Amino acid sequence: MRAGIWGLTSSGLLASSVGARAIAPRSAKANAAAVSQAARTLPGFWTTFRKAVLAHDAAGIARLSAPIVTQRGELDDAPVKRLTPDQVPPVLARLLAQPDGVDDAGRSQRAMLAATPVPRRDPQMPADRFRFGDMEFTHGAAGWRLTHIYYEAED
C-alpha cells in the first residue's frame, strides 16, 4: 500500500499503511461532548446547528435542542405544544420551508439560514437569548440550545 492510504485494522480501528498509530472512531459520548463544547458560545453553537440543519441531520438537531422545546404560533392565544428533542426535526423542517414574513426577498427560512454563516444578535434581546426567523435559542447550563419554535401546523 502507498503512504497516506488508510485501512481498517482487525479491531475496526483506522490505521495508515505507513505505520501511524490507529485512530479510534468517535464514540457517541465524544460526539456529544464536542457538541456541548461548541454550544458554549453562540458562534460555535450556530455553526454546529446550521451545519446539522443544512445536512438534514435529525440526530444533530435533536442534540442541539433543549430537553423540551415549545412550539406555538405567532399569536399570543396560539396553543402551546411541548416537543421532545426527537420530535423537533420534522417540525423544524416544515418551518424552514416557509418564509418568515420579514425577509424582503421572500426567501424560505432555510435559505436565510444558509445565507447566515455568522449569527447576528438583536441588541434588544437579552444576552442569553437569540432569535433567528421563527426559532428562538437560549443559553443555559448546557450552552446554547433551540428552545422555542414559532410554527402553527395547518392540520
C-alpha atoms as a PDB file:
ATOM      1  CA  MET A   1       0.000   0.000   0.000  1.00  0.00           C
ATOM      2  CA  ARG A   2       1.136   3.585  -0.616  1.00  0.00           C
ATOM      3  CA  ALA A   3       1.723   6.182   2.091  1.00  0.00           C
ATOM      4  CA  GLY A   4      -1.383   8.061   3.117  1.00  0.00           C
ATOM      5  CA  ILE A   5      -3.738   5.165   2.407  1.00  0.00           C
ATOM      6  CA  TRP A   6      -5.949   4.304   5.360  1.00  0.00           C
ATOM      7  CA  GLY A   7      -7.472   0.936   6.124  1.00  0.00           C
ATOM      8  CA  LEU A   8      -9.293  -0.843   8.913  1.00  0.00           C
ATOM      9  CA  THR A   9      -7.358  -2.999  11.348  1.00  0.00           C
ATOM     10  CA  SER A  10      -8.733  -6.261  12.673  1.00  0.00           C
ATOM     11  CA  SER A  11     -10.076  -4.342  15.682  1.00  0.00           C
ATOM     12  CA  GLY A  12     -12.043  -1.968  13.440  1.00  0.00           C
ATOM     13  CA  LEU A  13      -9.695   0.972  14.047  1.00  0.00           C
ATOM     14  CA  LEU A  14      -8.336   3.095  11.226  1.00  0.00           C
ATOM     15  CA  ALA A  15      -4.616   2.738  10.558  1.00  0.00           C
ATOM     16  CA  SER A  16      -2.282   4.152   7.933  1.00  0.00           C
ATOM     17  CA  SER A  17      -0.213   1.893   5.754  1.00  0.00           C
ATOM     18  CA  VAL A  18       2.846   3.942   6.766  1.00  0.00           C
ATOM     19  CA  GLY A  19       2.681   2.809  10.371  1.00  0.00           C
ATOM     20  CA  ALA A  20       0.849   5.685  12.036  1.00  0.00           C
ATOM     21  CA  ARG A  21      -0.968   4.712  15.196  1.00  0.00           C
ATOM     22  CA  ALA A  22      -4.556   3.530  14.950  1.00  0.00           C
ATOM     23  CA  ILE A  23      -7.325   6.117  15.353  1.00  0.00           C
ATOM     24  CA  ALA A  24     -10.467   5.022  17.145  1.00  0.00           C
ATOM     25  CA  PRO A  25     -13.758   6.204  15.662  1.00  0.00           C
ATOM     26  CA  ARG A  26     -15.507   8.853  17.763  1.00  0.00           C
ATOM     27  CA  SER A  27     -17.975   7.471  20.243  1.00  0.00           C
ATOM     28  CA  ALA A  28     -21.455   8.894  20.727  1.00  0.00           C
ATOM     29  CA  LYS A  29     -20.248  10.256  24.069  1.00  0.00           C
ATOM     30  CA  ALA A  30     -17.297  12.012  22.381  1.00  0.00           C
ATOM     31  CA  ASN A  31     -19.622  13.455  19.731  1.00  0.00           C
ATOM     32  CA  ALA A  32     -21.979  14.745  22.433  1.00  0.00           C
ATOM     33  CA  ALA A  33     -19.025  16.289  24.295  1.00  0.00           C
ATOM     34  CA  ALA A  34     -17.878  18.025  21.096  1.00  0.00           C
ATOM     35  CA  VAL A  35     -21.406  19.366  20.504  1.00  0.00           C
ATOM     36  CA  SER A  36     -21.571  20.539  24.116  1.00  0.00           C
ATOM     37  CA  GLN A  37     -18.222  22.337  23.822  1.00  0.00           C
ATOM     38  CA  ALA A  38     -19.239  24.022  20.558  1.00  0.00           C
ATOM     39  CA  ALA A  39     -22.545  25.097  22.113  1.00  0.00           C
ATOM     40  CA  ARG A  40     -20.832  27.184  24.823  1.00  0.00           C
ATOM     41  CA  THR A  41     -20.587  30.241  22.550  1.00  0.00           C
ATOM     42  CA  LEU A  42     -23.274  31.490  20.193  1.00  0.00           C
ATOM     43  CA  PRO A  43     -20.980  31.439  17.121  1.00  0.00           C
ATOM     44  CA  GLY A  44     -19.861  27.886  17.943  1.00  0.00           C
ATOM     45  CA  PHE A  45     -23.434  26.746  18.511  1.00  0.00           C
ATOM     46  CA  TRP A  46     -24.669  28.481  15.368  1.00  0.00           C
ATOM     47  CA  THR A  47     -22.010  26.834  13.200  1.00  0.00           C
ATOM     48  CA  THR A  48     -22.915  23.387  14.543  1.00  0.00           C
ATOM     49  CA  PHE A  49     -26.687  23.962  14.412  1.00  0.00           C
ATOM     50  CA  ARG A  50     -26.571  25.443  10.894  1.00  0.00           C
ATOM     51  CA  LYS A  51     -24.465  22.525   9.643  1.00  0.00           C
ATOM     52  CA  ALA A  52     -26.925  19.990  11.138  1.00  0.00           C
ATOM     53  CA  VAL A  53     -29.954  21.773   9.654  1.00  0.00           C
ATOM     54  CA  LEU A  54     -28.463  22.153   6.181  1.00  0.00           C
ATOM     55  CA  ALA A  55     -27.399  18.487   6.198  1.00  0.00           C
ATOM     56  CA  HIS A  56     -30.886  17.366   7.329  1.00  0.00           C
ATOM     57  CA  ASP A  57     -29.157  15.745  10.339  1.00  0.00           C
ATOM     58  CA  ALA A  58     -32.096  14.897  12.619  1.00  0.00           C
ATOM     59  CA  ALA A  59     -29.865  13.452  15.352  1.00  0.00           C
ATOM     60  CA  GLY A  60     -27.675  16.561  15.318  1.00  0.00           C
ATOM     61  CA  ILE A  61     -30.706  18.854  15.530  1.00  0.00           C
ATOM     62  CA  ALA A  62     -32.079  16.792  18.422  1.00  0.00           C
ATOM     63  CA  ARG A  63     -28.738  17.066  20.293  1.00  0.00           C
ATOM     64  CA  LEU A  64     -28.837  20.857  19.885  1.00  0.00           C
ATOM     65  CA  SER A  65     -32.403  21.135  21.167  1.00  0.00           C
ATOM     66  CA  ALA A  66     -33.452  21.698  24.767  1.00  0.00           C
ATOM     67  CA  PRO A  67     -34.989  18.764  26.655  1.00  0.00           C
ATOM     68  CA  ILE A  68     -38.368  20.403  25.990  1.00  0.00           C
ATOM     69  CA  VAL A  69     -38.867  22.731  23.012  1.00  0.00           C
ATOM     70  CA  THR A  70     -42.054  24.745  22.969  1.00  0.00           C
ATOM     71  CA  GLN A  71     -43.927  25.077  19.709  1.00  0.00           C
ATOM     72  CA  ARG A  72     -46.615  27.657  19.200  1.00  0.00           C
ATOM     73  CA  GLY A  73     -47.962  30.011  16.600  1.00  0.00           C
ATOM     74  CA  GLU A  74     -47.057  33.680  16.468  1.00  0.00           C
ATOM     75  CA  LEU A  75     -50.279  34.843  18.151  1.00  0.00           C
ATOM     76  CA  ASP A  76     -50.481  35.052  21.947  1.00  0.00           C
ATOM     77  CA  ASP A  77     -53.560  32.813  22.055  1.00  0.00           C
ATOM     78  CA  ALA A  78     -51.994  30.073  19.900  1.00  0.00           C
ATOM     79  CA  PRO A  79     -51.899  26.661  21.587  1.00  0.00           C
ATOM     80  CA  VAL A  80     -48.531  25.596  23.002  1.00  0.00           C
ATOM     81  CA  LYS A  81     -47.074  22.139  22.333  1.00  0.00           C
ATOM     82  CA  ARG A  82     -44.147  20.621  24.195  1.00  0.00           C
ATOM     83  CA  LEU A  83     -41.749  18.747  21.923  1.00  0.00           C
ATOM     84  CA  THR A  84     -39.036  16.300  22.905  1.00  0.00           C
ATOM     85  CA  PRO A  85     -35.744  16.699  21.021  1.00  0.00           C
ATOM     86  CA  ASP A  86     -36.653  13.754  18.757  1.00  0.00           C
ATOM     87  CA  GLN A  87     -39.916  15.493  17.766  1.00  0.00           C
ATOM     88  CA  VAL A  88     -38.155  18.730  16.756  1.00  0.00           C
ATOM     89  CA  PRO A  89     -36.542  17.833  13.377  1.00  0.00           C
ATOM     90  CA  PRO A  90     -39.756  17.192  11.382  1.00  0.00           C
ATOM     91  CA  VAL A  91     -41.446  20.312  12.790  1.00  0.00           C
ATOM     92  CA  LEU A  92     -38.324  22.343  12.100  1.00  0.00           C
ATOM     93  CA  ALA A  93     -38.183  21.023   8.517  1.00  0.00           C
ATOM     94  CA  ARG A  94     -41.723  22.276   7.858  1.00  0.00           C
ATOM     95  CA  LEU A  95     -40.960  25.624   9.478  1.00  0.00           C
ATOM     96  CA  LEU A  96     -37.773  26.114   7.468  1.00  0.00           C
ATOM     97  CA  ALA A  97     -39.626  25.574   4.194  1.00  0.00           C
ATOM     98  CA  GLN A  98     -41.678  28.729   4.861  1.00  0.00           C
ATOM     99  CA  PRO A  99     -40.721  32.393   4.602  1.00  0.00           C
ATOM    100  CA  ASP A 100     -40.629  34.229   7.929  1.00  0.00           C
ATOM    101  CA  GLY A 101     -42.685  37.120   6.594  1.00  0.00           C
ATOM    102  CA  VAL A 102     -39.941  39.672   7.289  1.00  0.00           C
ATOM    103  CA  ASP A 103     -37.370  38.943   4.564  1.00  0.00           C
ATOM    104  CA  ASP A 104     -37.958  41.360   1.661  1.00  0.00           C
ATOM    105  CA  ALA A 105     -36.908  38.726  -0.880  1.00  0.00           C
ATOM    106  CA  GLY A 106     -39.453  36.216   0.467  1.00  0.00           C
ATOM    107  CA  ARG A 107     -36.770  33.542   0.944  1.00  0.00           C
ATOM    108  CA  SER A 108     -37.516  30.426   2.941  1.00  0.00           C
ATOM    109  CA  GLN A 109     -36.119  30.305   6.442  1.00  0.00           C
ATOM    110  CA  ARG A 110     -33.798  27.505   5.253  1.00  0.00           C
ATOM    111  CA  ALA A 111     -32.403  29.808   2.525  1.00  0.00           C
ATOM    112  CA  MET A 112     -31.988  32.584   5.073  1.00  0.00           C
ATOM    113  CA  LEU A 113     -30.182  30.197   7.432  1.00  0.00           C
ATOM    114  CA  ALA A 114     -27.914  29.028   4.591  1.00  0.00           C
ATOM    115  CA  ALA A 115     -27.053  32.659   3.858  1.00  0.00           C
ATOM    116  CA  THR A 116     -26.209  33.418   7.507  1.00  0.00           C
ATOM    117  CA  PRO A 117     -22.915  31.754   8.494  1.00  0.00           C
ATOM    118  CA  VAL A 118     -22.481  34.125  11.443  1.00  0.00           C
ATOM    119  CA  PRO A 119     -25.346  34.828  13.877  1.00  0.00           C
ATOM    120  CA  ARG A 120     -26.456  38.438  14.043  1.00  0.00           C
ATOM    121  CA  ARG A 121     -27.648  39.333  17.508  1.00  0.00           C
ATOM    122  CA  ASP A 122     -30.524  41.706  18.102  1.00  0.00           C
ATOM    123  CA  PRO A 123     -29.373  44.170  20.783  1.00  0.00           C
ATOM    124  CA  GLN A 124     -32.973  44.313  22.060  1.00  0.00           C
ATOM    125  CA  MET A 125     -32.838  40.623  23.074  1.00  0.00           C
ATOM    126  CA  PRO A 126     -31.441  39.570  26.472  1.00  0.00           C
ATOM    127  CA  ALA A 127     -27.836  38.284  26.322  1.00  0.00           C
ATOM    128  CA  ASP A 128     -28.952  34.697  26.963  1.00  0.00           C
ATOM    129  CA  ARG A 129     -31.458  34.649  24.069  1.00  0.00           C
ATOM    130  CA  PHE A 130     -31.113  34.674  20.302  1.00  0.00           C
ATOM    131  CA  ARG A 131     -33.869  34.685  17.720  1.00  0.00           C
ATOM    132  CA  PHE A 132     -33.491  33.770  14.085  1.00  0.00           C
ATOM    133  CA  GLY A 133     -36.598  33.718  11.927  1.00  0.00           C
ATOM    134  CA  ASP A 134     -39.215  31.750  13.813  1.00  0.00           C
ATOM    135  CA  MET A 135     -36.740  29.974  16.095  1.00  0.00           C
ATOM    136  CA  GLU A 136     -35.525  31.065  19.489  1.00  0.00           C
ATOM    137  CA  PHE A 137     -32.409  29.838  21.248  1.00  0.00           C
ATOM    138  CA  THR A 138     -31.467  30.141  24.923  1.00  0.00           C
ATOM    139  CA  HIS A 139     -28.113  29.892  26.680  1.00  0.00           C
ATOM    140  CA  GLY A 140     -28.221  27.759  29.821  1.00  0.00           C
ATOM    141  CA  ALA A 141     -26.034  25.386  31.829  1.00  0.00           C
ATOM    142  CA  ALA A 142     -25.550  23.100  28.791  1.00  0.00           C
ATOM    143  CA  GLY A 143     -24.740  26.008  26.473  1.00  0.00           C
ATOM    144  CA  TRP A 144     -26.952  27.269  23.663  1.00  0.00           C
ATOM    145  CA  ARG A 145     -29.983  25.190  22.683  1.00  0.00           C
ATOM    146  CA  LEU A 146     -33.043  25.574  20.468  1.00  0.00           C
ATOM    147  CA  THR A 147     -35.862  26.270  22.932  1.00  0.00           C
ATOM    148  CA  HIS A 148     -38.838  27.732  21.015  1.00  0.00           C
ATOM    149  CA  ILE A 149     -40.322  27.236  17.573  1.00  0.00           C
ATOM    150  CA  TYR A 150     -42.988  29.626  16.338  1.00  0.00           C
ATOM    151  CA  TYR A 151     -44.869  27.465  13.882  1.00  0.00           C
ATOM    152  CA  GLU A 152     -48.516  26.547  13.819  1.00  0.00           C
ATOM    153  CA  ALA A 153     -49.204  23.436  11.782  1.00  0.00           C
ATOM    154  CA  GLU A 154     -52.162  23.661   9.452  1.00  0.00           C
ATOM    155  CA  ASP A 155     -53.808  20.347  10.264  1.00  0.00           C
END
